[in-house]
PDBML (XML) file of the C-alpha atoms, coordinates in Angstrom:
<?xml version="1.0" encoding="UTF-8" ?>
<PDBx:datablock datablockName="MODEL"
   xmlns:PDBx="http://pdbml.pdb.org/schema/pdbx-v50.xsd"
   xmlns:xsi="http://www.w3.org/2001/XMLSchema-instance"
   xsi:schemaLocation="http://pdbml.pdb.org/schema/pdbx-v50.xsd pdbx-v50.xsd">
   <PDBx:atom_siteCategory>
      <PDBx:atom_site id="1">
         <PDBx:B_iso_or_equiv>0.00</PDBx:B_iso_or_equiv>
         <PDBx:Cartn_x>14.922</PDBx:Cartn_x>
         <PDBx:Cartn_y>9.872</PDBx:Cartn_y>
         <PDBx:Cartn_z>-22.108</PDBx:Cartn_z>
         <PDBx:auth_asym_id>A</PDBx:auth_asym_id>
         <PDBx:auth_atom_id>CA</PDBx:auth_atom_id>
         <PDBx:auth_comp_id>LYS</PDBx:auth_comp_id>
         <PDBx:auth_seq_id>1</PDBx:auth_seq_id>
         <PDBx:group_PDB>ATOM</PDBx:group_PDB>
         <PDBx:label_alt_id xsi:nil="true" />
         <PDBx:label_asym_id>A</PDBx:label_asym_id>
         <PDBx:label_atom_id>CA</PDBx:label_atom_id>
         <PDBx:label_comp_id>LYS</PDBx:label_comp_id>
         <PDBx:label_entity_id>1</PDBx:label_entity_id>
         <PDBx:label_seq_id>1</PDBx:label_seq_id>
         <PDBx:occupancy>1.00</PDBx:occupancy>
         <PDBx:pdbx_PDB_model_num>1</PDBx:pdbx_PDB_model_num>
         <PDBx:type_symbol>C</PDBx:type_symbol>
      </PDBx:atom_site>
      <PDBx:atom_site id="2">
         <PDBx:B_iso_or_equiv>0.00</PDBx:B_iso_or_equiv>
         <PDBx:Cartn_x>11.715</PDBx:Cartn_x>
         <PDBx:Cartn_y>7.847</PDBx:Cartn_y>
         <PDBx:Cartn_z>-22.238</PDBx:Cartn_z>
         <PDBx:auth_asym_id>A</PDBx:auth_asym_id>
         <PDBx:auth_atom_id>CA</PDBx:auth_atom_id>
         <PDBx:auth_comp_id>GLU</PDBx:auth_comp_id>
         <PDBx:auth_seq_id>2</PDBx:auth_seq_id>
         <PDBx:group_PDB>ATOM</PDBx:group_PDB>
         <PDBx:label_alt_id xsi:nil="true" />
         <PDBx:label_asym_id>A</PDBx:label_asym_id>
         <PDBx:label_atom_id>CA</PDBx:label_atom_id>
         <PDBx:label_comp_id>GLU</PDBx:label_comp_id>
         <PDBx:label_entity_id>1</PDBx:label_entity_id>
         <PDBx:label_seq_id>2</PDBx:label_seq_id>
         <PDBx:occupancy>1.00</PDBx:occupancy>
         <PDBx:pdbx_PDB_model_num>1</PDBx:pdbx_PDB_model_num>
         <PDBx:type_symbol>C</PDBx:type_symbol>
      </PDBx:atom_site>
      <PDBx:atom_site id="3">
         <PDBx:B_iso_or_equiv>0.00</PDBx:B_iso_or_equiv>
         <PDBx:Cartn_x>12.364</PDBx:Cartn_x>
         <PDBx:Cartn_y>4.102</PDBx:Cartn_y>
         <PDBx:Cartn_z>-21.945</PDBx:Cartn_z>
         <PDBx:auth_asym_id>A</PDBx:auth_asym_id>
         <PDBx:auth_atom_id>CA</PDBx:auth_atom_id>
         <PDBx:auth_comp_id>LEU</PDBx:auth_comp_id>
         <PDBx:auth_seq_id>3</PDBx:auth_seq_id>
         <PDBx:group_PDB>ATOM</PDBx:group_PDB>
         <PDBx:label_alt_id xsi:nil="true" />
         <PDBx:label_asym_id>A</PDBx:label_asym_id>
         <PDBx:label_atom_id>CA</PDBx:label_atom_id>
         <PDBx:label_comp_id>LEU</PDBx:label_comp_id>
         <PDBx:label_entity_id>1</PDBx:label_entity_id>
         <PDBx:label_seq_id>3</PDBx:label_seq_id>
         <PDBx:occupancy>1.00</PDBx:occupancy>
         <PDBx:pdbx_PDB_model_num>1</PDBx:pdbx_PDB_model_num>
         <PDBx:type_symbol>C</PDBx:type_symbol>
      </PDBx:atom_site>
      <PDBx:atom_site id="4">
         <PDBx:B_iso_or_equiv>0.00</PDBx:B_iso_or_equiv>
         <PDBx:Cartn_x>9.323</PDBx:Cartn_x>
         <PDBx:Cartn_y>1.905</PDBx:Cartn_y>
         <PDBx:Cartn_z>-22.672</PDBx:Cartn_z>
         <PDBx:auth_asym_id>A</PDBx:auth_asym_id>
         <PDBx:auth_atom_id>CA</PDBx:auth_atom_id>
         <PDBx:auth_comp_id>PRO</PDBx:auth_comp_id>
         <PDBx:auth_seq_id>4</PDBx:auth_seq_id>
         <PDBx:group_PDB>ATOM</PDBx:group_PDB>
         <PDBx:label_alt_id xsi:nil="true" />
         <PDBx:label_asym_id>A</PDBx:label_asym_id>
         <PDBx:label_atom_id>CA</PDBx:label_atom_id>
         <PDBx:label_comp_id>PRO</PDBx:label_comp_id>
         <PDBx:label_entity_id>1</PDBx:label_entity_id>
         <PDBx:label_seq_id>4</PDBx:label_seq_id>
         <PDBx:occupancy>1.00</PDBx:occupancy>
         <PDBx:pdbx_PDB_model_num>1</PDBx:pdbx_PDB_model_num>
         <PDBx:type_symbol>C</PDBx:type_symbol>
      </PDBx:atom_site>
      <PDBx:atom_site id="5">
         <PDBx:B_iso_or_equiv>0.00</PDBx:B_iso_or_equiv>
         <PDBx:Cartn_x>9.160</PDBx:Cartn_x>
         <PDBx:Cartn_y>-1.140</PDBx:Cartn_y>
         <PDBx:Cartn_z>-20.401</PDBx:Cartn_z>
         <PDBx:auth_asym_id>A</PDBx:auth_asym_id>
         <PDBx:auth_atom_id>CA</PDBx:auth_atom_id>
         <PDBx:auth_comp_id>CYS</PDBx:auth_comp_id>
         <PDBx:auth_seq_id>5</PDBx:auth_seq_id>
         <PDBx:group_PDB>ATOM</PDBx:group_PDB>
         <PDBx:label_alt_id xsi:nil="true" />
         <PDBx:label_asym_id>A</PDBx:label_asym_id>
         <PDBx:label_atom_id>CA</PDBx:label_atom_id>
         <PDBx:label_comp_id>CYS</PDBx:label_comp_id>
         <PDBx:label_entity_id>1</PDBx:label_entity_id>
         <PDBx:label_seq_id>5</PDBx:label_seq_id>
         <PDBx:occupancy>1.00</PDBx:occupancy>
         <PDBx:pdbx_PDB_model_num>1</PDBx:pdbx_PDB_model_num>
         <PDBx:type_symbol>C</PDBx:type_symbol>
      </PDBx:atom_site>
      <PDBx:atom_site id="6">
         <PDBx:B_iso_or_equiv>0.00</PDBx:B_iso_or_equiv>
         <PDBx:Cartn_x>6.938</PDBx:Cartn_x>
         <PDBx:Cartn_y>-3.853</PDBx:Cartn_y>
         <PDBx:Cartn_z>-19.033</PDBx:Cartn_z>
         <PDBx:auth_asym_id>A</PDBx:auth_asym_id>
         <PDBx:auth_atom_id>CA</PDBx:auth_atom_id>
         <PDBx:auth_comp_id>ASP</PDBx:auth_comp_id>
         <PDBx:auth_seq_id>6</PDBx:auth_seq_id>
         <PDBx:group_PDB>ATOM</PDBx:group_PDB>
         <PDBx:label_alt_id xsi:nil="true" />
         <PDBx:label_asym_id>A</PDBx:label_asym_id>
         <PDBx:label_atom_id>CA</PDBx:label_atom_id>
         <PDBx:label_comp_id>ASP</PDBx:label_comp_id>
         <PDBx:label_entity_id>1</PDBx:label_entity_id>
         <PDBx:label_seq_id>6</PDBx:label_seq_id>
         <PDBx:occupancy>1.00</PDBx:occupancy>
         <PDBx:pdbx_PDB_model_num>1</PDBx:pdbx_PDB_model_num>
         <PDBx:type_symbol>C</PDBx:type_symbol>
      </PDBx:atom_site>
      <PDBx:atom_site id="7">
         <PDBx:B_iso_or_equiv>0.00</PDBx:B_iso_or_equiv>
         <PDBx:Cartn_x>8.575</PDBx:Cartn_x>
         <PDBx:Cartn_y>-3.957</PDBx:Cartn_y>
         <PDBx:Cartn_z>-15.597</PDBx:Cartn_z>
         <PDBx:auth_asym_id>A</PDBx:auth_asym_id>
         <PDBx:auth_atom_id>CA</PDBx:auth_atom_id>
         <PDBx:auth_comp_id>MET</PDBx:auth_comp_id>
         <PDBx:auth_seq_id>7</PDBx:auth_seq_id>
         <PDBx:group_PDB>ATOM</PDBx:group_PDB>
         <PDBx:label_alt_id xsi:nil="true" />
         <PDBx:label_asym_id>A</PDBx:label_asym_id>
         <PDBx:label_atom_id>CA</PDBx:label_atom_id>
         <PDBx:label_comp_id>MET</PDBx:label_comp_id>
         <PDBx:label_entity_id>1</PDBx:label_entity_id>
         <PDBx:label_seq_id>7</PDBx:label_seq_id>
         <PDBx:occupancy>1.00</PDBx:occupancy>
         <PDBx:pdbx_PDB_model_num>1</PDBx:pdbx_PDB_model_num>
         <PDBx:type_symbol>C</PDBx:type_symbol>
      </PDBx:atom_site>
      <PDBx:atom_site id="8">
         <PDBx:B_iso_or_equiv>0.00</PDBx:B_iso_or_equiv>
         <PDBx:Cartn_x>11.245</PDBx:Cartn_x>
         <PDBx:Cartn_y>-2.227</PDBx:Cartn_y>
         <PDBx:Cartn_z>-13.495</PDBx:Cartn_z>
         <PDBx:auth_asym_id>A</PDBx:auth_asym_id>
         <PDBx:auth_atom_id>CA</PDBx:auth_atom_id>
         <PDBx:auth_comp_id>VAL</PDBx:auth_comp_id>
         <PDBx:auth_seq_id>8</PDBx:auth_seq_id>
         <PDBx:group_PDB>ATOM</PDBx:group_PDB>
         <PDBx:label_alt_id xsi:nil="true" />
         <PDBx:label_asym_id>A</PDBx:label_asym_id>
         <PDBx:label_atom_id>CA</PDBx:label_atom_id>
         <PDBx:label_comp_id>VAL</PDBx:label_comp_id>
         <PDBx:label_entity_id>1</PDBx:label_entity_id>
         <PDBx:label_seq_id>8</PDBx:label_seq_id>
         <PDBx:occupancy>1.00</PDBx:occupancy>
         <PDBx:pdbx_PDB_model_num>1</PDBx:pdbx_PDB_model_num>
         <PDBx:type_symbol>C</PDBx:type_symbol>
      </PDBx:atom_site>
      <PDBx:atom_site id="9">
         <PDBx:B_iso_or_equiv>0.00</PDBx:B_iso_or_equiv>
         <PDBx:Cartn_x>13.758</PDBx:Cartn_x>
         <PDBx:Cartn_y>-3.558</PDBx:Cartn_y>
         <PDBx:Cartn_z>-10.967</PDBx:Cartn_z>
         <PDBx:auth_asym_id>A</PDBx:auth_asym_id>
         <PDBx:auth_atom_id>CA</PDBx:auth_atom_id>
         <PDBx:auth_comp_id>VAL</PDBx:auth_comp_id>
         <PDBx:auth_seq_id>9</PDBx:auth_seq_id>
         <PDBx:group_PDB>ATOM</PDBx:group_PDB>
         <PDBx:label_alt_id xsi:nil="true" />
         <PDBx:label_asym_id>A</PDBx:label_asym_id>
         <PDBx:label_atom_id>CA</PDBx:label_atom_id>
         <PDBx:label_comp_id>VAL</PDBx:label_comp_id>
         <PDBx:label_entity_id>1</PDBx:label_entity_id>
         <PDBx:label_seq_id>9</PDBx:label_seq_id>
         <PDBx:occupancy>1.00</PDBx:occupancy>
         <PDBx:pdbx_PDB_model_num>1</PDBx:pdbx_PDB_model_num>
         <PDBx:type_symbol>C</PDBx:type_symbol>
      </PDBx:atom_site>
      <PDBx:atom_site id="10">
         <PDBx:B_iso_or_equiv>0.00</PDBx:B_iso_or_equiv>
         <PDBx:Cartn_x>15.339</PDBx:Cartn_x>
         <PDBx:Cartn_y>-1.008</PDBx:Cartn_y>
         <PDBx:Cartn_z>-8.630</PDBx:Cartn_z>
         <PDBx:auth_asym_id>A</PDBx:auth_asym_id>
         <PDBx:auth_atom_id>CA</PDBx:auth_atom_id>
         <PDBx:auth_comp_id>ILE</PDBx:auth_comp_id>
         <PDBx:auth_seq_id>10</PDBx:auth_seq_id>
         <PDBx:group_PDB>ATOM</PDBx:group_PDB>
         <PDBx:label_alt_id xsi:nil="true" />
         <PDBx:label_asym_id>A</PDBx:label_asym_id>
         <PDBx:label_atom_id>CA</PDBx:label_atom_id>
         <PDBx:label_comp_id>ILE</PDBx:label_comp_id>
         <PDBx:label_entity_id>1</PDBx:label_entity_id>
         <PDBx:label_seq_id>10</PDBx:label_seq_id>
         <PDBx:occupancy>1.00</PDBx:occupancy>
         <PDBx:pdbx_PDB_model_num>1</PDBx:pdbx_PDB_model_num>
         <PDBx:type_symbol>C</PDBx:type_symbol>
      </PDBx:atom_site>
      <PDBx:atom_site id="11">
         <PDBx:B_iso_or_equiv>0.00</PDBx:B_iso_or_equiv>
         <PDBx:Cartn_x>18.755</PDBx:Cartn_x>
         <PDBx:Cartn_y>-1.537</PDBx:Cartn_y>
         <PDBx:Cartn_z>-7.061</PDBx:Cartn_z>
         <PDBx:auth_asym_id>A</PDBx:auth_asym_id>
         <PDBx:auth_atom_id>CA</PDBx:auth_atom_id>
         <PDBx:auth_comp_id>GLY</PDBx:auth_comp_id>
         <PDBx:auth_seq_id>11</PDBx:auth_seq_id>
         <PDBx:group_PDB>ATOM</PDBx:group_PDB>
         <PDBx:label_alt_id xsi:nil="true" />
         <PDBx:label_asym_id>A</PDBx:label_asym_id>
         <PDBx:label_atom_id>CA</PDBx:label_atom_id>
         <PDBx:label_comp_id>GLY</PDBx:label_comp_id>
         <PDBx:label_entity_id>1</PDBx:label_entity_id>
         <PDBx:label_seq_id>11</PDBx:label_seq_id>
         <PDBx:occupancy>1.00</PDBx:occupancy>
         <PDBx:pdbx_PDB_model_num>1</PDBx:pdbx_PDB_model_num>
         <PDBx:type_symbol>C</PDBx:type_symbol>
      </PDBx:atom_site>
      <PDBx:atom_site id="12">
         <PDBx:B_iso_or_equiv>0.00</PDBx:B_iso_or_equiv>
         <PDBx:Cartn_x>19.353</PDBx:Cartn_x>
         <PDBx:Cartn_y>1.676</PDBx:Cartn_y>
         <PDBx:Cartn_z>-5.124</PDBx:Cartn_z>
         <PDBx:auth_asym_id>A</PDBx:auth_asym_id>
         <PDBx:auth_atom_id>CA</PDBx:auth_atom_id>
         <PDBx:auth_comp_id>ALA</PDBx:auth_comp_id>
         <PDBx:auth_seq_id>12</PDBx:auth_seq_id>
         <PDBx:group_PDB>ATOM</PDBx:group_PDB>
         <PDBx:label_alt_id xsi:nil="true" />
         <PDBx:label_asym_id>A</PDBx:label_asym_id>
         <PDBx:label_atom_id>CA</PDBx:label_atom_id>
         <PDBx:label_comp_id>ALA</PDBx:label_comp_id>
         <PDBx:label_entity_id>1</PDBx:label_entity_id>
         <PDBx:label_seq_id>12</PDBx:label_seq_id>
         <PDBx:occupancy>1.00</PDBx:occupancy>
         <PDBx:pdbx_PDB_model_num>1</PDBx:pdbx_PDB_model_num>
         <PDBx:type_symbol>C</PDBx:type_symbol>
      </PDBx:atom_site>
      <PDBx:atom_site id="13">
         <PDBx:B_iso_or_equiv>0.00</PDBx:B_iso_or_equiv>
         <PDBx:Cartn_x>21.358</PDBx:Cartn_x>
         <PDBx:Cartn_y>0.176</PDBx:Cartn_y>
         <PDBx:Cartn_z>-2.282</PDBx:Cartn_z>
         <PDBx:auth_asym_id>A</PDBx:auth_asym_id>
         <PDBx:auth_atom_id>CA</PDBx:auth_atom_id>
         <PDBx:auth_comp_id>GLY</PDBx:auth_comp_id>
         <PDBx:auth_seq_id>13</PDBx:auth_seq_id>
         <PDBx:group_PDB>ATOM</PDBx:group_PDB>
         <PDBx:label_alt_id xsi:nil="true" />
         <PDBx:label_asym_id>A</PDBx:label_asym_id>
         <PDBx:label_atom_id>CA</PDBx:label_atom_id>
         <PDBx:label_comp_id>GLY</PDBx:label_comp_id>
         <PDBx:label_entity_id>1</PDBx:label_entity_id>
         <PDBx:label_seq_id>13</PDBx:label_seq_id>
         <PDBx:occupancy>1.00</PDBx:occupancy>
         <PDBx:pdbx_PDB_model_num>1</PDBx:pdbx_PDB_model_num>
         <PDBx:type_symbol>C</PDBx:type_symbol>
      </PDBx:atom_site>
      <PDBx:atom_site id="14">
         <PDBx:B_iso_or_equiv>0.00</PDBx:B_iso_or_equiv>
         <PDBx:Cartn_x>20.425</PDBx:Cartn_x>
         <PDBx:Cartn_y>-0.634</PDBx:Cartn_y>
         <PDBx:Cartn_z>1.304</PDBx:Cartn_z>
         <PDBx:auth_asym_id>A</PDBx:auth_asym_id>
         <PDBx:auth_atom_id>CA</PDBx:auth_atom_id>
         <PDBx:auth_comp_id>VAL</PDBx:auth_comp_id>
         <PDBx:auth_seq_id>14</PDBx:auth_seq_id>
         <PDBx:group_PDB>ATOM</PDBx:group_PDB>
         <PDBx:label_alt_id xsi:nil="true" />
         <PDBx:label_asym_id>A</PDBx:label_asym_id>
         <PDBx:label_atom_id>CA</PDBx:label_atom_id>
         <PDBx:label_comp_id>VAL</PDBx:label_comp_id>
         <PDBx:label_entity_id>1</PDBx:label_entity_id>
         <PDBx:label_seq_id>14</PDBx:label_seq_id>
         <PDBx:occupancy>1.00</PDBx:occupancy>
         <PDBx:pdbx_PDB_model_num>1</PDBx:pdbx_PDB_model_num>
         <PDBx:type_symbol>C</PDBx:type_symbol>
      </PDBx:atom_site>
      <PDBx:atom_site id="15">
         <PDBx:B_iso_or_equiv>0.00</PDBx:B_iso_or_equiv>
         <PDBx:Cartn_x>20.471</PDBx:Cartn_x>
         <PDBx:Cartn_y>1.002</PDBx:Cartn_y>
         <PDBx:Cartn_z>4.723</PDBx:Cartn_z>
         <PDBx:auth_asym_id>A</PDBx:auth_asym_id>
         <PDBx:auth_atom_id>CA</PDBx:auth_atom_id>
         <PDBx:auth_comp_id>THR</PDBx:auth_comp_id>
         <PDBx:auth_seq_id>15</PDBx:auth_seq_id>
         <PDBx:group_PDB>ATOM</PDBx:group_PDB>
         <PDBx:label_alt_id xsi:nil="true" />
         <PDBx:label_asym_id>A</PDBx:label_asym_id>
         <PDBx:label_atom_id>CA</PDBx:label_atom_id>
         <PDBx:label_comp_id>THR</PDBx:label_comp_id>
         <PDBx:label_entity_id>1</PDBx:label_entity_id>
         <PDBx:label_seq_id>15</PDBx:label_seq_id>
         <PDBx:occupancy>1.00</PDBx:occupancy>
         <PDBx:pdbx_PDB_model_num>1</PDBx:pdbx_PDB_model_num>
         <PDBx:type_symbol>C</PDBx:type_symbol>
      </PDBx:atom_site>
      <PDBx:atom_site id="16">
         <PDBx:B_iso_or_equiv>0.00</PDBx:B_iso_or_equiv>
         <PDBx:Cartn_x>21.556</PDBx:Cartn_x>
         <PDBx:Cartn_y>-0.859</PDBx:Cartn_y>
         <PDBx:Cartn_z>7.875</PDBx:Cartn_z>
         <PDBx:auth_asym_id>A</PDBx:auth_asym_id>
         <PDBx:auth_atom_id>CA</PDBx:auth_atom_id>
         <PDBx:auth_comp_id>PRO</PDBx:auth_comp_id>
         <PDBx:auth_seq_id>16</PDBx:auth_seq_id>
         <PDBx:group_PDB>ATOM</PDBx:group_PDB>
         <PDBx:label_alt_id xsi:nil="true" />
         <PDBx:label_asym_id>A</PDBx:label_asym_id>
         <PDBx:label_atom_id>CA</PDBx:label_atom_id>
         <PDBx:label_comp_id>PRO</PDBx:label_comp_id>
         <PDBx:label_entity_id>1</PDBx:label_entity_id>
         <PDBx:label_seq_id>16</PDBx:label_seq_id>
         <PDBx:occupancy>1.00</PDBx:occupancy>
         <PDBx:pdbx_PDB_model_num>1</PDBx:pdbx_PDB_model_num>
         <PDBx:type_symbol>C</PDBx:type_symbol>
      </PDBx:atom_site>
      <PDBx:atom_site id="17">
         <PDBx:B_iso_or_equiv>0.00</PDBx:B_iso_or_equiv>
         <PDBx:Cartn_x>18.622</PDBx:Cartn_x>
         <PDBx:Cartn_y>-1.784</PDBx:Cartn_y>
         <PDBx:Cartn_z>10.095</PDBx:Cartn_z>
         <PDBx:auth_asym_id>A</PDBx:auth_asym_id>
         <PDBx:auth_atom_id>CA</PDBx:auth_atom_id>
         <PDBx:auth_comp_id>ASP</PDBx:auth_comp_id>
         <PDBx:auth_seq_id>17</PDBx:auth_seq_id>
         <PDBx:group_PDB>ATOM</PDBx:group_PDB>
         <PDBx:label_alt_id xsi:nil="true" />
         <PDBx:label_asym_id>A</PDBx:label_asym_id>
         <PDBx:label_atom_id>CA</PDBx:label_atom_id>
         <PDBx:label_comp_id>ASP</PDBx:label_comp_id>
         <PDBx:label_entity_id>1</PDBx:label_entity_id>
         <PDBx:label_seq_id>17</PDBx:label_seq_id>
         <PDBx:occupancy>1.00</PDBx:occupancy>
         <PDBx:pdbx_PDB_model_num>1</PDBx:pdbx_PDB_model_num>
         <PDBx:type_symbol>C</PDBx:type_symbol>
      </PDBx:atom_site>
      <PDBx:atom_site id="18">
         <PDBx:B_iso_or_equiv>0.00</PDBx:B_iso_or_equiv>
         <PDBx:Cartn_x>19.819</PDBx:Cartn_x>
         <PDBx:Cartn_y>-0.391</PDBx:Cartn_y>
         <PDBx:Cartn_z>13.415</PDBx:Cartn_z>
         <PDBx:auth_asym_id>A</PDBx:auth_asym_id>
         <PDBx:auth_atom_id>CA</PDBx:auth_atom_id>
         <PDBx:auth_comp_id>VAL</PDBx:auth_comp_id>
         <PDBx:auth_seq_id>18</PDBx:auth_seq_id>
         <PDBx:group_PDB>ATOM</PDBx:group_PDB>
         <PDBx:label_alt_id xsi:nil="true" />
         <PDBx:label_asym_id>A</PDBx:label_asym_id>
         <PDBx:label_atom_id>CA</PDBx:label_atom_id>
         <PDBx:label_comp_id>VAL</PDBx:label_comp_id>
         <PDBx:label_entity_id>1</PDBx:label_entity_id>
         <PDBx:label_seq_id>18</PDBx:label_seq_id>
         <PDBx:occupancy>1.00</PDBx:occupancy>
         <PDBx:pdbx_PDB_model_num>1</PDBx:pdbx_PDB_model_num>
         <PDBx:type_symbol>C</PDBx:type_symbol>
      </PDBx:atom_site>
      <PDBx:atom_site id="19">
         <PDBx:B_iso_or_equiv>0.00</PDBx:B_iso_or_equiv>
         <PDBx:Cartn_x>16.409</PDBx:Cartn_x>
         <PDBx:Cartn_y>0.616</PDBx:Cartn_y>
         <PDBx:Cartn_z>14.765</PDBx:Cartn_z>
         <PDBx:auth_asym_id>A</PDBx:auth_asym_id>
         <PDBx:auth_atom_id>CA</PDBx:auth_atom_id>
         <PDBx:auth_comp_id>SER</PDBx:auth_comp_id>
         <PDBx:auth_seq_id>19</PDBx:auth_seq_id>
         <PDBx:group_PDB>ATOM</PDBx:group_PDB>
         <PDBx:label_alt_id xsi:nil="true" />
         <PDBx:label_asym_id>A</PDBx:label_asym_id>
         <PDBx:label_atom_id>CA</PDBx:label_atom_id>
         <PDBx:label_comp_id>SER</PDBx:label_comp_id>
         <PDBx:label_entity_id>1</PDBx:label_entity_id>
         <PDBx:label_seq_id>19</PDBx:label_seq_id>
         <PDBx:occupancy>1.00</PDBx:occupancy>
         <PDBx:pdbx_PDB_model_num>1</PDBx:pdbx_PDB_model_num>
         <PDBx:type_symbol>C</PDBx:type_symbol>
      </PDBx:atom_site>
      <PDBx:atom_site id="20">
         <PDBx:B_iso_or_equiv>0.00</PDBx:B_iso_or_equiv>
         <PDBx:Cartn_x>16.399</PDBx:Cartn_x>
         <PDBx:Cartn_y>-2.115</PDBx:Cartn_y>
         <PDBx:Cartn_z>17.424</PDBx:Cartn_z>
         <PDBx:auth_asym_id>A</PDBx:auth_asym_id>
         <PDBx:auth_atom_id>CA</PDBx:auth_atom_id>
         <PDBx:auth_comp_id>LEU</PDBx:auth_comp_id>
         <PDBx:auth_seq_id>20</PDBx:auth_seq_id>
         <PDBx:group_PDB>ATOM</PDBx:group_PDB>
         <PDBx:label_alt_id xsi:nil="true" />
         <PDBx:label_asym_id>A</PDBx:label_asym_id>
         <PDBx:label_atom_id>CA</PDBx:label_atom_id>
         <PDBx:label_comp_id>LEU</PDBx:label_comp_id>
         <PDBx:label_entity_id>1</PDBx:label_entity_id>
         <PDBx:label_seq_id>20</PDBx:label_seq_id>
         <PDBx:occupancy>1.00</PDBx:occupancy>
         <PDBx:pdbx_PDB_model_num>1</PDBx:pdbx_PDB_model_num>
         <PDBx:type_symbol>C</PDBx:type_symbol>
      </PDBx:atom_site>
      <PDBx:atom_site id="21">
         <PDBx:B_iso_or_equiv>0.00</PDBx:B_iso_or_equiv>
         <PDBx:Cartn_x>20.004</PDBx:Cartn_x>
         <PDBx:Cartn_y>-1.371</PDBx:Cartn_y>
         <PDBx:Cartn_z>18.407</PDBx:Cartn_z>
         <PDBx:auth_asym_id>A</PDBx:auth_asym_id>
         <PDBx:auth_atom_id>CA</PDBx:auth_atom_id>
         <PDBx:auth_comp_id>ALA</PDBx:auth_comp_id>
         <PDBx:auth_seq_id>21</PDBx:auth_seq_id>
         <PDBx:group_PDB>ATOM</PDBx:group_PDB>
         <PDBx:label_alt_id xsi:nil="true" />
         <PDBx:label_asym_id>A</PDBx:label_asym_id>
         <PDBx:label_atom_id>CA</PDBx:label_atom_id>
         <PDBx:label_comp_id>ALA</PDBx:label_comp_id>
         <PDBx:label_entity_id>1</PDBx:label_entity_id>
         <PDBx:label_seq_id>21</PDBx:label_seq_id>
         <PDBx:occupancy>1.00</PDBx:occupancy>
         <PDBx:pdbx_PDB_model_num>1</PDBx:pdbx_PDB_model_num>
         <PDBx:type_symbol>C</PDBx:type_symbol>
      </PDBx:atom_site>
      <PDBx:atom_site id="22">
         <PDBx:B_iso_or_equiv>0.00</PDBx:B_iso_or_equiv>
         <PDBx:Cartn_x>19.320</PDBx:Cartn_x>
         <PDBx:Cartn_y>2.364</PDBx:Cartn_y>
         <PDBx:Cartn_z>18.709</PDBx:Cartn_z>
         <PDBx:auth_asym_id>A</PDBx:auth_asym_id>
         <PDBx:auth_atom_id>CA</PDBx:auth_atom_id>
         <PDBx:auth_comp_id>LYS</PDBx:auth_comp_id>
         <PDBx:auth_seq_id>22</PDBx:auth_seq_id>
         <PDBx:group_PDB>ATOM</PDBx:group_PDB>
         <PDBx:label_alt_id xsi:nil="true" />
         <PDBx:label_asym_id>A</PDBx:label_asym_id>
         <PDBx:label_atom_id>CA</PDBx:label_atom_id>
         <PDBx:label_comp_id>LYS</PDBx:label_comp_id>
         <PDBx:label_entity_id>1</PDBx:label_entity_id>
         <PDBx:label_seq_id>22</PDBx:label_seq_id>
         <PDBx:occupancy>1.00</PDBx:occupancy>
         <PDBx:pdbx_PDB_model_num>1</PDBx:pdbx_PDB_model_num>
         <PDBx:type_symbol>C</PDBx:type_symbol>
      </PDBx:atom_site>
      <PDBx:atom_site id="23">
         <PDBx:B_iso_or_equiv>0.00</PDBx:B_iso_or_equiv>
         <PDBx:Cartn_x>16.216</PDBx:Cartn_x>
         <PDBx:Cartn_y>1.818</PDBx:Cartn_y>
         <PDBx:Cartn_z>20.807</PDBx:Cartn_z>
         <PDBx:auth_asym_id>A</PDBx:auth_asym_id>
         <PDBx:auth_atom_id>CA</PDBx:auth_atom_id>
         <PDBx:auth_comp_id>ALA</PDBx:auth_comp_id>
         <PDBx:auth_seq_id>23</PDBx:auth_seq_id>
         <PDBx:group_PDB>ATOM</PDBx:group_PDB>
         <PDBx:label_alt_id xsi:nil="true" />
         <PDBx:label_asym_id>A</PDBx:label_asym_id>
         <PDBx:label_atom_id>CA</PDBx:label_atom_id>
         <PDBx:label_comp_id>ALA</PDBx:label_comp_id>
         <PDBx:label_entity_id>1</PDBx:label_entity_id>
         <PDBx:label_seq_id>23</PDBx:label_seq_id>
         <PDBx:occupancy>1.00</PDBx:occupancy>
         <PDBx:pdbx_PDB_model_num>1</PDBx:pdbx_PDB_model_num>
         <PDBx:type_symbol>C</PDBx:type_symbol>
      </PDBx:atom_site>
      <PDBx:atom_site id="24">
         <PDBx:B_iso_or_equiv>0.00</PDBx:B_iso_or_equiv>
         <PDBx:Cartn_x>18.208</PDBx:Cartn_x>
         <PDBx:Cartn_y>-0.475</PDBx:Cartn_y>
         <PDBx:Cartn_z>23.097</PDBx:Cartn_z>
         <PDBx:auth_asym_id>A</PDBx:auth_asym_id>
         <PDBx:auth_atom_id>CA</PDBx:auth_atom_id>
         <PDBx:auth_comp_id>ALA</PDBx:auth_comp_id>
         <PDBx:auth_seq_id>24</PDBx:auth_seq_id>
         <PDBx:group_PDB>ATOM</PDBx:group_PDB>
         <PDBx:label_alt_id xsi:nil="true" />
         <PDBx:label_asym_id>A</PDBx:label_asym_id>
         <PDBx:label_atom_id>CA</PDBx:label_atom_id>
         <PDBx:label_comp_id>ALA</PDBx:label_comp_id>
         <PDBx:label_entity_id>1</PDBx:label_entity_id>
         <PDBx:label_seq_id>24</PDBx:label_seq_id>
         <PDBx:occupancy>1.00</PDBx:occupancy>
         <PDBx:pdbx_PDB_model_num>1</PDBx:pdbx_PDB_model_num>
         <PDBx:type_symbol>C</PDBx:type_symbol>
      </PDBx:atom_site>
   </PDBx:atom_siteCategory>
</PDBx:datablock>
């Protein structure tokens, strides 16, 4: 499918930001 558009919004989820916790 080709969907013409003027803009895109992506909602692909999130990942927990545990970088500080891991490093600690």
